[in-house]
N, C-alpha and C. Protein backbone atom coordinates (compact mmCIF):
# COMPACT_ATOMS: atom_id res chain seq x y z
N MET A 1 -34.82 3.82 23.92
CA MET A 1 -33.59 2.83 22.73
C MET A 1 -33.93 3.92 21.32
N THR A 2 -34.57 4.19 21.03
CA THR A 2 -35.11 5.22 19.96
C THR A 2 -33.68 5.81 19.12
N GLY A 3 -33.23 6.71 20.34
CA GLY A 3 -32.02 7.63 20.31
C GLY A 3 -31.07 6.78 19.54
N PRO A 4 -30.43 5.67 20.33
CA PRO A 4 -28.78 4.91 19.48
C PRO A 4 -29.06 4.24 18.56
N TRP A 5 -30.39 3.75 18.45
CA TRP A 5 -30.47 3.12 16.61
C TRP A 5 -30.53 4.51 15.73
N LYS A 6 -31.05 5.49 15.92
CA LYS A 6 -31.24 6.50 15.23
C LYS A 6 -29.48 6.64 15.01
N ARG A 7 -28.86 7.36 16.08
CA ARG A 7 -27.47 7.43 15.64
C ARG A 7 -26.39 6.51 14.70
N ALA A 8 -26.96 5.17 15.07
CA ALA A 8 -26.30 4.35 14.19
C ALA A 8 -26.32 4.08 13.22
N ASN A 9 -27.99 4.46 12.74
CA ASN A 9 -28.28 4.48 11.37
C ASN A 9 -27.45 5.55 10.41
N GLN A 10 -27.29 6.86 11.30
CA GLN A 10 -26.56 7.95 10.53
C GLN A 10 -24.83 7.66 10.36
N GLU A 11 -24.56 6.79 11.19
CA GLU A 11 -23.24 6.37 11.16
C GLU A 11 -22.63 5.62 9.71
N GLU A 12 -23.91 4.41 9.94
CA GLU A 12 -23.71 3.73 8.77
C GLU A 12 -24.20 4.15 7.67
N GLN A 13 -25.18 5.06 7.20
CA GLN A 13 -25.14 6.23 6.11
C GLN A 13 -23.92 6.83 5.84
N LYS A 14 -23.19 7.40 6.97
CA LYS A 14 -21.84 8.20 6.78
C LYS A 14 -20.92 7.19 5.92
N GLU A 15 -20.91 5.91 6.48
CA GLU A 15 -19.81 4.99 5.84
C GLU A 15 -20.30 4.47 4.61
N ILE A 16 -21.43 4.52 4.34
CA ILE A 16 -21.93 4.45 3.13
C ILE A 16 -21.20 5.51 1.94
N ARG A 17 -21.67 6.37 2.27
CA ARG A 17 -21.14 7.70 1.45
C ARG A 17 -19.54 8.09 1.77
N ARG A 18 -18.90 7.58 2.20
CA ARG A 18 -17.37 7.70 2.63
C ARG A 18 -16.99 6.27 1.62
N LYS A 19 -17.50 5.42 1.62
CA LYS A 19 -17.17 4.23 0.49
C LYS A 19 -17.35 4.79 -0.81
N GLU A 20 -18.36 5.50 -1.10
CA GLU A 20 -18.81 5.74 -2.07
C GLU A 20 -17.80 6.85 -2.90
N ILE A 21 -17.40 7.66 -2.11
CA ILE A 21 -16.41 8.68 -1.94
C ILE A 21 -15.10 8.16 -3.10
N ARG A 22 -14.68 6.88 -1.92
CA ARG A 22 -13.46 6.62 -1.87
C ARG A 22 -13.43 5.75 -3.57
N GLU A 23 -14.57 4.58 -3.68
CA GLU A 23 -14.50 4.04 -4.91
C GLU A 23 -14.56 5.35 -5.94
N ALA A 24 -15.05 6.40 -5.84
CA ALA A 24 -14.94 6.83 -7.16
C ALA A 24 -13.67 7.66 -7.32
N ALA A 25 -12.69 7.50 -6.15
CA ALA A 25 -10.97 8.13 -6.45
C ALA A 25 -10.75 6.88 -7.03
N LEU A 26 -10.86 5.80 -6.49
CA LEU A 26 -10.15 4.81 -7.48
C LEU A 26 -10.83 4.49 -8.64
N ALA A 27 -11.67 4.59 -9.00
CA ALA A 27 -12.48 4.37 -10.57
C ALA A 27 -11.68 5.53 -11.23
N LEU A 28 -11.25 6.65 -10.88
CA LEU A 28 -10.41 8.27 -11.29
C LEU A 28 -9.39 7.78 -11.63
N HIS A 29 -9.04 6.74 -10.77
CA HIS A 29 -7.20 6.35 -10.63
C HIS A 29 -6.79 5.25 -11.99
N GLY A 30 -7.83 5.37 -12.63
CA GLY A 30 -7.87 4.48 -14.07
C GLY A 30 -7.44 5.40 -15.22
N THR A 31 -7.74 6.48 -14.88
CA THR A 31 -7.15 7.77 -15.86
C THR A 31 -6.43 8.54 -15.55
N CYS A 32 -5.83 8.73 -14.12
CA CYS A 32 -4.98 10.18 -13.56
C CYS A 32 -4.44 9.31 -12.50
N SER A 33 -3.43 9.61 -12.38
CA SER A 33 -2.39 9.30 -10.83
C SER A 33 -3.17 10.05 -9.70
N PHE A 34 -3.31 9.64 -8.48
CA PHE A 34 -3.36 10.43 -7.41
C PHE A 34 -2.95 11.82 -7.17
N SER A 35 -1.70 12.00 -7.25
CA SER A 35 -1.11 13.19 -7.59
C SER A 35 -1.72 14.35 -8.42
N GLU A 36 -2.51 13.81 -9.67
CA GLU A 36 -3.03 14.71 -10.45
C GLU A 36 -4.48 14.46 -10.10
N MET A 37 -4.98 13.80 -9.61
CA MET A 37 -6.75 13.88 -9.10
C MET A 37 -7.01 15.18 -8.38
N THR A 38 -8.02 15.63 -8.55
CA THR A 38 -8.71 16.94 -7.93
C THR A 38 -9.86 16.39 -6.87
N LEU A 39 -9.98 17.14 -6.18
CA LEU A 39 -11.20 16.54 -4.88
C LEU A 39 -12.82 17.23 -6.01
N ALA A 40 -12.66 17.68 -6.79
CA ALA A 40 -13.53 18.47 -7.59
C ALA A 40 -14.00 17.27 -8.31
N ASP A 41 -12.52 16.66 -9.84
CA ASP A 41 -12.90 15.30 -10.21
C ASP A 41 -13.71 14.44 -9.31
N ILE A 42 -13.35 13.85 -8.17
CA ILE A 42 -14.05 12.83 -7.27
C ILE A 42 -15.42 13.15 -6.97
N ALA A 43 -15.49 14.72 -6.63
CA ALA A 43 -17.02 14.75 -6.30
C ALA A 43 -17.77 14.47 -7.44
N ARG A 44 -17.34 15.19 -9.18
CA ARG A 44 -18.29 14.58 -10.33
C ARG A 44 -18.32 13.21 -10.26
N HIS A 45 -17.27 12.61 -10.19
CA HIS A 45 -17.58 11.05 -10.34
C HIS A 45 -18.28 10.56 -9.39
N ALA A 46 -18.36 10.86 -8.21
CA ALA A 46 -19.47 10.34 -7.05
C ALA A 46 -20.62 11.08 -7.36
N SER A 47 -21.03 11.95 -8.10
CA SER A 47 -22.16 12.51 -7.88
C SER A 47 -22.34 13.43 -6.82
N PHE A 48 -21.36 14.38 -6.46
CA PHE A 48 -21.23 14.64 -5.19
C PHE A 48 -20.97 15.97 -5.56
N THR A 49 -21.54 16.98 -4.62
CA THR A 49 -20.80 18.62 -4.76
C THR A 49 -19.45 18.14 -4.00
N ARG A 50 -18.65 19.52 -4.40
CA ARG A 50 -17.18 19.21 -3.42
C ARG A 50 -17.47 19.74 -1.85
N SER A 51 -18.34 20.62 -1.89
CA SER A 51 -18.50 20.68 -0.47
C SER A 51 -19.42 19.58 0.39
N ASN A 52 -19.99 18.67 -0.62
CA ASN A 52 -20.56 17.56 0.22
C ASN A 52 -19.41 16.59 0.98
N ILE A 53 -18.59 16.42 0.13
CA ILE A 53 -17.35 15.44 0.41
C ILE A 53 -16.77 15.88 1.61
N TYR A 54 -16.61 17.37 1.84
CA TYR A 54 -16.06 17.92 3.45
C TYR A 54 -16.97 17.49 4.76
N LYS A 55 -18.20 17.18 4.40
CA LYS A 55 -19.12 16.46 5.51
C LYS A 55 -18.38 15.17 6.01
N TYR A 56 -17.50 14.41 4.84
CA TYR A 56 -16.77 12.78 5.09
C TYR A 56 -15.84 12.84 5.22
N TYR A 57 -14.76 13.81 4.24
CA TYR A 57 -13.25 14.07 4.48
C TYR A 57 -12.85 15.55 4.62
N SER A 58 -11.82 15.46 5.45
CA SER A 58 -11.63 16.97 5.43
C SER A 58 -10.82 17.68 4.34
N SER A 59 -9.93 16.89 3.58
CA SER A 59 -9.36 17.02 2.21
C SER A 59 -9.12 16.08 1.76
N ARG A 60 -8.52 16.58 0.53
CA ARG A 60 -8.21 15.33 -0.87
C ARG A 60 -7.24 14.37 -0.08
N ASP A 61 -6.06 14.71 0.76
CA ASP A 61 -5.27 14.05 1.04
C ASP A 61 -5.86 13.24 2.48
N ASP A 62 -6.68 13.73 3.23
CA ASP A 62 -7.01 12.83 4.25
C ASP A 62 -7.97 11.55 3.65
N LEU A 63 -8.83 12.37 2.51
CA LEU A 63 -9.21 10.77 1.96
C LEU A 63 -8.08 9.87 1.28
N PHE A 64 -6.98 10.26 0.81
CA PHE A 64 -5.91 9.17 0.12
C PHE A 64 -5.39 8.42 1.14
N LEU A 65 -5.47 9.59 2.77
CA LEU A 65 -4.88 8.61 3.47
C LEU A 65 -5.92 7.59 4.39
N SER A 66 -6.94 7.80 4.24
CA SER A 66 -7.99 6.57 4.43
C SER A 66 -7.79 5.76 3.18
N LEU A 67 -7.74 5.87 2.03
CA LEU A 67 -7.22 4.81 0.85
C LEU A 67 -5.90 4.19 1.77
N LEU A 68 -4.96 4.68 1.75
CA LEU A 68 -3.73 4.06 2.02
C LEU A 68 -3.88 3.21 3.23
N ARG A 69 -4.73 3.95 4.13
CA ARG A 69 -4.86 2.74 5.68
C ARG A 69 -5.45 1.26 4.86
N GLY A 70 -6.26 1.53 3.94
CA GLY A 70 -6.99 0.30 3.44
C GLY A 70 -6.42 -0.81 2.82
N GLU A 71 -5.48 0.03 1.84
CA GLU A 71 -4.56 -1.04 1.00
C GLU A 71 -3.64 -1.42 2.04
N PHE A 72 -2.82 -0.86 3.14
CA PHE A 72 -2.10 -1.56 3.85
C PHE A 72 -2.31 -2.62 4.68
N LEU A 73 -3.67 -2.14 5.35
CA LEU A 73 -4.09 -3.32 6.36
C LEU A 73 -4.41 -4.79 5.39
N SER A 74 -5.09 -4.44 4.29
CA SER A 74 -5.46 -5.66 3.24
C SER A 74 -4.38 -6.19 3.10
N TRP A 75 -2.78 -5.72 2.32
CA TRP A 75 -1.43 -6.51 2.51
C TRP A 75 -0.93 -6.93 3.58
N VAL A 76 -1.29 -6.29 4.97
CA VAL A 76 -0.80 -7.17 5.86
C VAL A 76 -1.85 -8.47 6.51
N MET A 77 -2.73 -8.43 6.30
CA MET A 77 -4.05 -9.46 6.18
C MET A 77 -3.52 -10.36 5.17
N LYS A 78 -3.01 -10.21 4.21
CA LYS A 78 -3.08 -11.50 2.84
C LYS A 78 -1.32 -12.05 3.37
N ALA A 79 -0.78 -11.27 3.86
CA ALA A 79 0.75 -11.81 3.92
C ALA A 79 0.35 -12.97 5.35
N GLU A 80 -0.21 -12.39 5.83
CA GLU A 80 -0.55 -13.00 7.28
C GLU A 80 -1.12 -14.75 6.90
N GLU A 81 -2.28 -14.39 6.20
CA GLU A 81 -2.28 -15.64 5.51
C GLU A 81 -1.68 -16.64 4.61
N ILE A 82 -0.84 -16.02 3.67
CA ILE A 82 -0.05 -16.44 2.83
C ILE A 82 0.83 -17.59 3.27
N PHE A 83 1.49 -16.80 4.48
CA PHE A 83 2.58 -17.30 5.24
C PHE A 83 2.34 -18.28 6.60
N SER A 84 0.86 -18.37 6.46
CA SER A 84 0.83 -19.17 7.65
C SER A 84 0.64 -20.56 7.33
N VAL A 85 1.03 -20.72 5.89
CA VAL A 85 0.27 -22.17 5.72
C VAL A 85 1.33 -23.18 5.78
N ARG A 86 3.08 -22.88 5.40
CA ARG A 86 3.83 -23.60 5.73
C ARG A 86 5.00 -22.99 6.13
N ASP A 87 6.15 -23.86 6.07
CA ASP A 87 7.69 -22.73 6.00
C ASP A 87 8.22 -22.81 4.79
N TYR A 88 8.79 -22.16 4.79
CA TYR A 88 9.34 -21.60 3.42
C TYR A 88 10.67 -20.78 3.45
N SER A 89 11.70 -21.63 2.59
CA SER A 89 12.90 -21.25 1.99
C SER A 89 12.93 -19.74 1.62
N LEU A 90 14.02 -19.01 1.87
CA LEU A 90 14.51 -17.91 1.52
C LEU A 90 13.80 -17.46 0.31
N LYS A 91 14.53 -18.46 -0.53
CA LYS A 91 14.25 -18.21 -2.16
C LYS A 91 12.55 -18.20 -2.66
N GLU A 92 11.93 -19.42 -1.55
CA GLU A 92 10.67 -19.34 -1.79
C GLU A 92 9.80 -18.18 -1.36
N PHE A 93 10.52 -17.47 -0.11
CA PHE A 93 9.86 -16.41 0.06
C PHE A 93 9.82 -15.25 -0.42
N SER A 94 11.15 -15.16 -0.92
CA SER A 94 11.34 -13.93 -1.83
C SER A 94 10.38 -14.11 -2.91
N HIS A 95 10.17 -14.73 -3.63
CA HIS A 95 9.39 -14.69 -4.77
C HIS A 95 7.78 -14.69 -4.23
N ILE A 96 7.41 -15.49 -3.30
CA ILE A 96 6.00 -15.06 -2.91
C ILE A 96 5.41 -13.79 -2.29
N TRP A 97 6.77 -13.08 -1.90
CA TRP A 97 6.83 -11.93 -1.21
C TRP A 97 6.30 -11.02 -2.06
N ILE A 98 7.28 -10.87 -3.33
CA ILE A 98 7.18 -10.00 -4.52
C ILE A 98 6.03 -9.73 -5.19
N ASP A 99 5.37 -11.63 -5.62
CA ASP A 99 4.55 -11.38 -6.13
C ASP A 99 2.95 -11.07 -5.32
N LEU A 100 3.09 -10.86 -4.17
CA LEU A 100 2.11 -10.24 -3.32
C LEU A 100 2.19 -8.81 -3.05
N ILE A 101 3.15 -8.40 -3.00
CA ILE A 101 3.05 -6.70 -3.04
C ILE A 101 2.89 -6.02 -4.64
N LEU A 102 3.35 -6.80 -5.35
CA LEU A 102 2.64 -6.47 -6.95
C LEU A 102 1.45 -6.57 -7.11
N GLN A 103 0.89 -7.16 -6.33
CA GLN A 103 -0.94 -6.94 -6.52
C GLN A 103 -1.28 -5.90 -5.61
N TYR A 104 -0.51 -4.89 -5.26
CA TYR A 104 -1.26 -3.94 -4.44
C TYR A 104 -0.17 -2.49 -4.96
N PRO A 105 -0.57 -2.35 -6.17
CA PRO A 105 0.48 -0.88 -6.69
C PRO A 105 -0.45 0.32 -5.69
N LEU A 106 -1.40 0.35 -5.65
CA LEU A 106 -1.88 1.74 -4.94
C LEU A 106 -1.51 1.80 -4.07
N LEU A 107 -1.26 0.81 -3.31
CA LEU A 107 -0.34 1.10 -2.17
C LEU A 107 1.05 1.55 -2.10
N ILE A 108 1.93 0.96 -3.26
CA ILE A 108 3.00 1.60 -3.08
C ILE A 108 3.28 3.08 -3.75
N GLU A 109 1.96 3.21 -4.53
CA GLU A 109 1.43 4.67 -4.88
C GLU A 109 1.69 5.61 -3.96
N LEU A 110 0.88 5.49 -3.21
CA LEU A 110 -0.04 6.01 -1.87
C LEU A 110 1.29 6.30 -0.73
N LEU A 111 2.31 5.41 -0.74
CA LEU A 111 2.96 5.31 0.00
C LEU A 111 4.31 6.42 -0.36
N SER A 112 4.09 6.41 -1.30
CA SER A 112 5.45 7.15 -2.07
C SER A 112 5.08 8.74 -1.88
N LEU A 113 3.23 9.14 -1.90
CA LEU A 113 2.97 10.56 -1.34
C LEU A 113 2.95 10.65 0.01
N SER A 114 2.83 9.71 0.87
CA SER A 114 2.65 9.97 2.26
C SER A 114 3.67 10.89 2.84
N LEU A 115 4.82 10.71 2.75
CA LEU A 115 5.50 11.61 3.26
C LEU A 115 5.98 12.86 2.71
N SER A 116 5.80 13.04 1.54
CA SER A 116 5.82 14.45 0.55
C SER A 116 4.42 15.03 0.31
N GLN A 117 3.64 14.49 0.66
CA GLN A 117 2.35 15.26 0.48
C GLN A 117 1.33 14.61 2.11
N LEU A 118 0.83 13.28 1.88
CA LEU A 118 -0.48 13.39 2.77
C LEU A 118 0.09 13.84 4.30
N GLU A 119 1.22 13.52 4.99
CA GLU A 119 1.53 13.99 6.10
C GLU A 119 1.59 15.56 6.64
N LYS A 120 1.62 15.87 5.23
CA LYS A 120 1.49 17.58 5.28
C LYS A 120 0.28 18.29 5.47
N GLY A 121 -0.37 17.09 4.48
CA GLY A 121 -1.97 18.25 4.35
C GLY A 121 -2.98 17.43 4.88
N VAL A 122 -3.03 16.93 5.94
CA VAL A 122 -4.07 16.23 7.12
C VAL A 122 -3.61 16.73 8.35
N ASP A 123 -4.83 16.33 9.62
CA ASP A 123 -4.65 16.78 10.66
C ASP A 123 -3.93 15.77 11.38
N GLU A 124 -3.39 16.15 12.83
CA GLU A 124 -2.64 15.26 13.70
C GLU A 124 -3.54 14.22 13.72
N THR A 125 -4.98 14.26 13.96
CA THR A 125 -5.95 13.24 14.52
C THR A 125 -5.77 12.13 13.67
N SER A 126 -5.63 12.37 12.18
CA SER A 126 -6.17 11.36 11.19
C SER A 126 -4.82 10.67 11.10
N LEU A 127 -3.51 11.60 11.37
CA LEU A 127 -2.30 10.96 11.14
C LEU A 127 -2.03 9.62 12.17
N GLY A 128 -2.52 10.48 13.45
CA GLY A 128 -2.15 9.44 14.35
C GLY A 128 -3.16 8.30 14.40
N VAL A 129 -4.03 8.23 13.75
CA VAL A 129 -4.81 6.90 13.44
C VAL A 129 -3.92 6.12 12.34
N TRP A 130 -3.28 6.94 11.44
CA TRP A 130 -2.43 6.27 10.34
C TRP A 130 -1.26 5.40 11.38
N PHE A 131 -0.98 6.46 11.88
CA PHE A 131 0.58 5.61 12.45
C PHE A 131 0.27 4.71 13.59
N ARG A 132 -0.79 4.39 14.28
CA ARG A 132 -1.19 3.68 15.31
C ARG A 132 -1.33 2.33 13.77
N ILE A 133 -2.12 2.30 12.79
CA ILE A 133 -2.37 1.53 11.84
C ILE A 133 -1.04 0.70 11.37
N ASN A 134 -0.27 1.75 11.02
CA ASN A 134 1.06 1.69 10.38
C ASN A 134 2.09 0.93 11.59
N LYS A 135 1.83 1.11 12.62
CA LYS A 135 3.12 0.31 13.29
C LYS A 135 2.19 -0.75 13.99
N ASP A 136 1.06 -0.76 14.24
CA ASP A 136 0.76 -2.46 14.32
C ASP A 136 0.52 -3.19 13.12
N GLY A 137 0.61 -2.53 12.04
CA GLY A 137 0.73 -3.70 10.58
C GLY A 137 2.22 -4.24 10.65
N MET A 138 3.31 -3.10 10.70
CA MET A 138 4.44 -3.54 10.78
C MET A 138 4.93 -4.68 11.78
N SER A 139 4.11 -4.35 12.82
CA SER A 139 4.68 -5.40 13.96
C SER A 139 4.19 -6.76 13.59
N ARG A 140 2.55 -6.83 12.64
CA ARG A 140 2.28 -7.79 12.33
C ARG A 140 2.93 -8.52 11.01
N LEU A 141 3.85 -7.90 10.24
CA LEU A 141 4.31 -8.03 9.35
C LEU A 141 5.68 -8.79 10.20
N ASN A 142 6.58 -8.06 10.90
CA ASN A 142 7.52 -8.70 11.50
C ASN A 142 7.50 -10.20 12.14
N ARG A 143 6.35 -10.32 12.74
CA ARG A 143 5.83 -11.58 13.05
C ARG A 143 5.61 -13.07 12.15
N VAL A 144 5.18 -12.08 11.08
CA VAL A 144 5.28 -13.13 9.77
C VAL A 144 6.63 -13.47 9.40
N ILE A 145 7.56 -12.62 9.10
CA ILE A 145 8.74 -13.24 9.05
C ILE A 145 9.09 -13.80 9.93
N ARG A 146 9.30 -13.41 11.51
CA ARG A 146 9.74 -14.07 11.98
C ARG A 146 9.59 -15.66 12.67
N ASN A 147 8.59 -15.48 12.25
CA ASN A 147 7.94 -17.06 12.47
C ASN A 147 8.57 -18.15 11.21
N LEU A 148 9.14 -17.55 9.95
CA LEU A 148 9.35 -18.25 9.21
C LEU A 148 11.00 -18.19 9.54
N PHE A 149 11.42 -17.18 9.80
CA PHE A 149 12.74 -17.50 9.97
C PHE A 149 13.21 -17.07 11.76
N PRO A 150 13.13 -17.71 12.78
CA PRO A 150 12.96 -17.60 14.29
C PRO A 150 13.93 -16.96 14.45
N ARG A 151 15.33 -17.33 13.86
CA ARG A 151 16.30 -16.92 14.30
C ARG A 151 16.93 -15.52 14.07
N THR A 152 15.84 -15.03 13.38
CA THR A 152 16.17 -13.73 12.95
C THR A 152 15.78 -12.47 14.22
N GLU A 153 16.59 -11.68 14.37
CA GLU A 153 16.11 -10.66 15.21
C GLU A 153 15.26 -9.42 14.64
N MET A 154 14.57 -9.21 15.82
CA MET A 154 13.09 -8.18 15.51
C MET A 154 13.40 -6.92 14.75
N ASP A 155 14.68 -6.33 15.32
CA ASP A 155 15.18 -5.59 14.76
C ASP A 155 15.57 -5.02 13.44
N ASP A 156 16.39 -6.39 13.25
CA ASP A 156 16.59 -6.50 11.91
C ASP A 156 15.92 -7.16 10.42
N ILE A 157 14.45 -7.27 11.30
CA ILE A 157 13.54 -7.53 10.27
C ILE A 157 12.56 -6.01 10.24
N ASP A 158 12.43 -5.24 11.21
CA ASP A 158 12.01 -4.08 11.19
C ASP A 158 12.82 -3.18 9.94
N GLU A 159 14.06 -3.28 10.18
CA GLU A 159 14.86 -2.94 9.10
C GLU A 159 14.82 -3.39 7.68
N PHE A 160 14.46 -4.40 7.39
CA PHE A 160 14.00 -4.87 6.50
C PHE A 160 13.16 -4.43 5.98
N LEU A 161 11.78 -4.25 6.73
CA LEU A 161 10.65 -3.76 5.86
C LEU A 161 10.86 -2.30 5.68
N VAL A 162 11.15 -1.46 6.40
CA VAL A 162 11.72 -0.34 6.06
C VAL A 162 12.34 0.02 4.54
N LEU A 163 13.47 -0.67 4.41
CA LEU A 163 14.47 -0.59 3.07
C LEU A 163 13.75 -1.39 2.11
N PHE A 164 12.76 -2.38 2.13
CA PHE A 164 11.85 -3.23 1.42
C PHE A 164 11.29 -2.53 0.48
N LEU A 165 10.10 -1.49 1.46
CA LEU A 165 9.36 -0.65 1.24
C LEU A 165 9.70 0.87 0.52
N SER A 166 10.93 1.29 0.82
CA SER A 166 11.23 2.33 0.16
C SER A 166 11.73 1.85 -1.20
N GLN A 167 12.52 0.44 -1.35
CA GLN A 167 13.02 0.12 -2.68
C GLN A 167 11.88 0.03 -3.51
N MET A 168 10.76 -0.74 -2.93
CA MET A 168 9.56 -0.46 -3.73
C MET A 168 8.78 0.53 -4.15
N THR A 169 8.91 1.60 -3.77
CA THR A 169 8.30 3.20 -3.96
C THR A 169 9.04 3.25 -5.46
N GLY A 170 10.53 3.09 -5.34
CA GLY A 170 11.02 3.67 -6.79
C GLY A 170 11.14 2.50 -7.88
N THR A 171 10.74 1.54 -7.79
CA THR A 171 10.77 0.28 -8.50
C THR A 171 9.40 -0.30 -9.08
N MET A 172 8.29 0.28 -8.33
CA MET A 172 6.97 0.06 -8.79
C MET A 172 6.96 0.60 -10.37
N PRO A 173 7.25 1.71 -10.62
CA PRO A 173 6.77 2.24 -12.07
C PRO A 173 7.61 1.33 -13.19
N LEU A 174 8.75 0.84 -12.80
CA LEU A 174 9.25 0.06 -13.79
C LEU A 174 8.46 -1.39 -14.51
N LEU A 175 7.75 -1.52 -13.13
CA LEU A 175 7.16 -2.94 -13.18
C LEU A 175 5.70 -2.80 -14.10
N GLN A 176 5.62 -1.23 -14.20
CA GLN A 176 4.11 -0.71 -14.76
C GLN A 176 4.48 -0.16 -16.23
N MET A 177 5.26 -0.70 -16.85
CA MET A 177 5.41 0.22 -17.91
C MET A 177 4.62 -0.56 -19.23
N ASP A 178 4.35 0.37 -20.19
CA ASP A 178 3.22 -0.07 -21.03
C ASP A 178 4.05 -0.84 -22.27
N ASN A 179 3.50 -1.45 -23.14
CA ASN A 179 4.24 -2.01 -23.97
C ASN A 179 5.26 -1.35 -24.82
N ARG A 180 4.84 -0.09 -25.40
CA ARG A 180 5.61 0.83 -26.23
C ARG A 180 6.71 0.98 -25.39
N GLN A 181 6.82 1.74 -24.27
CA GLN A 181 7.63 1.83 -23.32
C GLN A 181 9.00 0.63 -23.07
N SER A 182 8.18 -0.66 -23.02
CA SER A 182 8.97 -2.12 -23.31
C SER A 182 9.74 -2.00 -24.46
N GLU A 183 9.17 -1.95 -25.45
CA GLU A 183 9.68 -1.92 -27.08
C GLU A 183 10.60 -1.32 -27.25
N ILE A 184 10.45 0.07 -27.21
CA ILE A 184 11.38 1.50 -27.37
C ILE A 184 12.71 1.08 -26.28
N ARG A 185 12.55 0.77 -25.33
CA ARG A 185 13.67 0.43 -24.18
C ARG A 185 14.51 -0.86 -24.80
N ARG A 186 13.78 -2.16 -24.71
CA ARG A 186 14.45 -3.27 -25.78
C ARG A 186 15.23 -2.59 -27.21
N ARG A 187 14.58 -2.13 -27.90
CA ARG A 187 15.12 -1.77 -29.07
C ARG A 187 16.76 -0.52 -28.75
N HIS A 188 16.53 0.23 -27.47
CA HIS A 188 17.87 0.91 -27.55
C HIS A 188 18.54 -0.33 -26.82
N GLY A 189 18.83 -1.25 -26.47
CA GLY A 189 19.58 -2.23 -25.56
C GLY A 189 19.45 -2.07 -23.97
N ILE A 190 18.40 -2.13 -23.79
CA ILE A 190 17.79 -1.50 -22.14
C ILE A 190 17.15 -2.47 -21.60
N ASP A 191 17.70 -3.31 -20.77
CA ASP A 191 16.97 -4.57 -20.20
C ASP A 191 15.67 -4.14 -19.63
N GLY A 192 14.63 -5.00 -19.79
CA GLY A 192 13.23 -4.32 -19.03
C GLY A 192 11.99 -5.17 -19.04
N GLY A 193 11.02 -4.54 -18.76
CA GLY A 193 9.90 -5.61 -18.87
C GLY A 193 9.70 -6.24 -17.45
N ARG A 194 8.22 -6.55 -16.96
CA ARG A 194 7.87 -7.12 -15.71
C ARG A 194 8.81 -8.06 -15.45
N ASP A 195 8.92 -9.03 -15.96
CA ASP A 195 9.94 -10.59 -15.36
C ASP A 195 11.34 -9.84 -15.13
N TYR A 196 11.87 -9.08 -15.90
CA TYR A 196 13.32 -9.02 -15.54
C TYR A 196 13.17 -8.03 -14.02
N TYR A 197 12.21 -6.73 -13.91
CA TYR A 197 12.45 -6.62 -12.45
C TYR A 197 11.80 -6.92 -11.59
N ARG A 198 11.10 -7.79 -11.87
CA ARG A 198 10.54 -8.92 -10.68
C ARG A 198 11.86 -9.64 -10.09
N GLU A 199 12.66 -10.28 -11.16
CA GLU A 199 13.34 -11.29 -10.56
C GLU A 199 14.75 -10.21 -10.02
N ILE A 200 14.71 -8.86 -10.15
CA ILE A 200 15.99 -8.10 -9.69
C ILE A 200 15.05 -8.07 -7.85
N LEU A 201 13.92 -7.61 -8.24
CA LEU A 201 13.60 -7.65 -6.60
C LEU A 201 13.42 -8.74 -5.83
N CYS A 202 13.24 -10.09 -6.40
CA CYS A 202 13.28 -11.17 -5.71
C CYS A 202 14.69 -11.16 -4.89
N GLN A 203 15.85 -11.06 -6.20
CA GLN A 203 17.25 -11.16 -5.54
C GLN A 203 17.59 -10.04 -4.54
N ALA A 204 16.91 -9.22 -4.80
CA ALA A 204 17.37 -7.70 -3.83
C ALA A 204 16.59 -8.08 -2.19
N VAL A 205 15.48 -8.68 -2.20
CA VAL A 205 14.50 -9.40 -0.88
C VAL A 205 15.65 -10.41 -0.08
N GLU A 206 16.42 -11.35 -1.10
CA GLU A 206 17.08 -12.14 -0.49
C GLU A 206 18.70 -11.54 -0.07
N SER A 207 18.85 -10.79 -0.62
CA SER A 207 20.24 -9.93 -0.26
C SER A 207 19.86 -9.10 1.26
N LEU A 208 18.75 -8.30 1.12
CA LEU A 208 18.48 -7.61 2.50
C LEU A 208 18.26 -8.75 3.48
N LEU A 209 17.51 -9.80 3.62
CA LEU A 209 17.09 -10.74 4.47
C LEU A 209 18.49 -11.84 4.65
N SER A 210 19.48 -12.20 3.92
CA SER A 210 20.15 -13.17 4.00
C SER A 210 21.30 -12.66 5.02
N PRO A 211 21.92 -11.26 4.95
CA PRO A 211 22.56 -10.98 6.14
C PRO A 211 22.26 -11.51 7.57
N TRP A 212 21.35 -11.33 7.44
CA TRP A 212 20.17 -11.21 9.18
C TRP A 212 19.90 -12.59 9.74
N LEU A 213 20.52 -13.56 8.68
CA LEU A 213 19.69 -14.91 8.55
C LEU A 213 20.84 -15.67 9.60
N PRO A 214 20.66 -16.22 10.49
CA PRO A 214 21.72 -17.03 11.59
C PRO A 214 22.01 -18.34 10.43
N ALA A 215 23.36 -18.15 10.59
CA ALA A 215 23.58 -19.74 9.56
C ALA A 215 23.18 -20.96 10.67
N SER A 216 22.74 -21.50 9.67
CA SER A 216 21.97 -23.07 10.41
C SER A 216 22.72 -24.23 10.28
């Protein structure tokens, strides 16, 4: 029995180290974007050597992909929790759906890196894990929406989810403007601010879904 206990303990210690590295990357994100962050920066923040990090993650992109998986699963589980409570109208759904995704800015930022960077920088094994998690998560989100609007086709919901996430990667920066940016835009007659763009997103969700909802 000694052997298995030893192996289990070693794996537990490895997961503790992986968590420390992920937390260091998240803490650094308060001062720079993921695209600017280096593995050396993360190593210093975690009090690791850069070579030590390679024992737990094969590259910076492998680490970011791990963060992406965690954020994505958290979003999916939260959506399942929120929308299992009761039925919602399309307008109610759109506002709650947008307020939920706005709690996950890291997810949107990491998704925006996925195609342009992460998928090019990690091995096929890691990508395979992410693709399986992504496919399962999207299926779960599909069920969430179909339970609310049961006459909607599954393929239409899949299309909605893809379009929605694509839209969010472009819109999220507008929801994260600081006060100085918002004030300058206001002085120059440009609509802005979090509430303004939040409402636009809510309307976009309604517009995307409404053509696929059968007439009652």
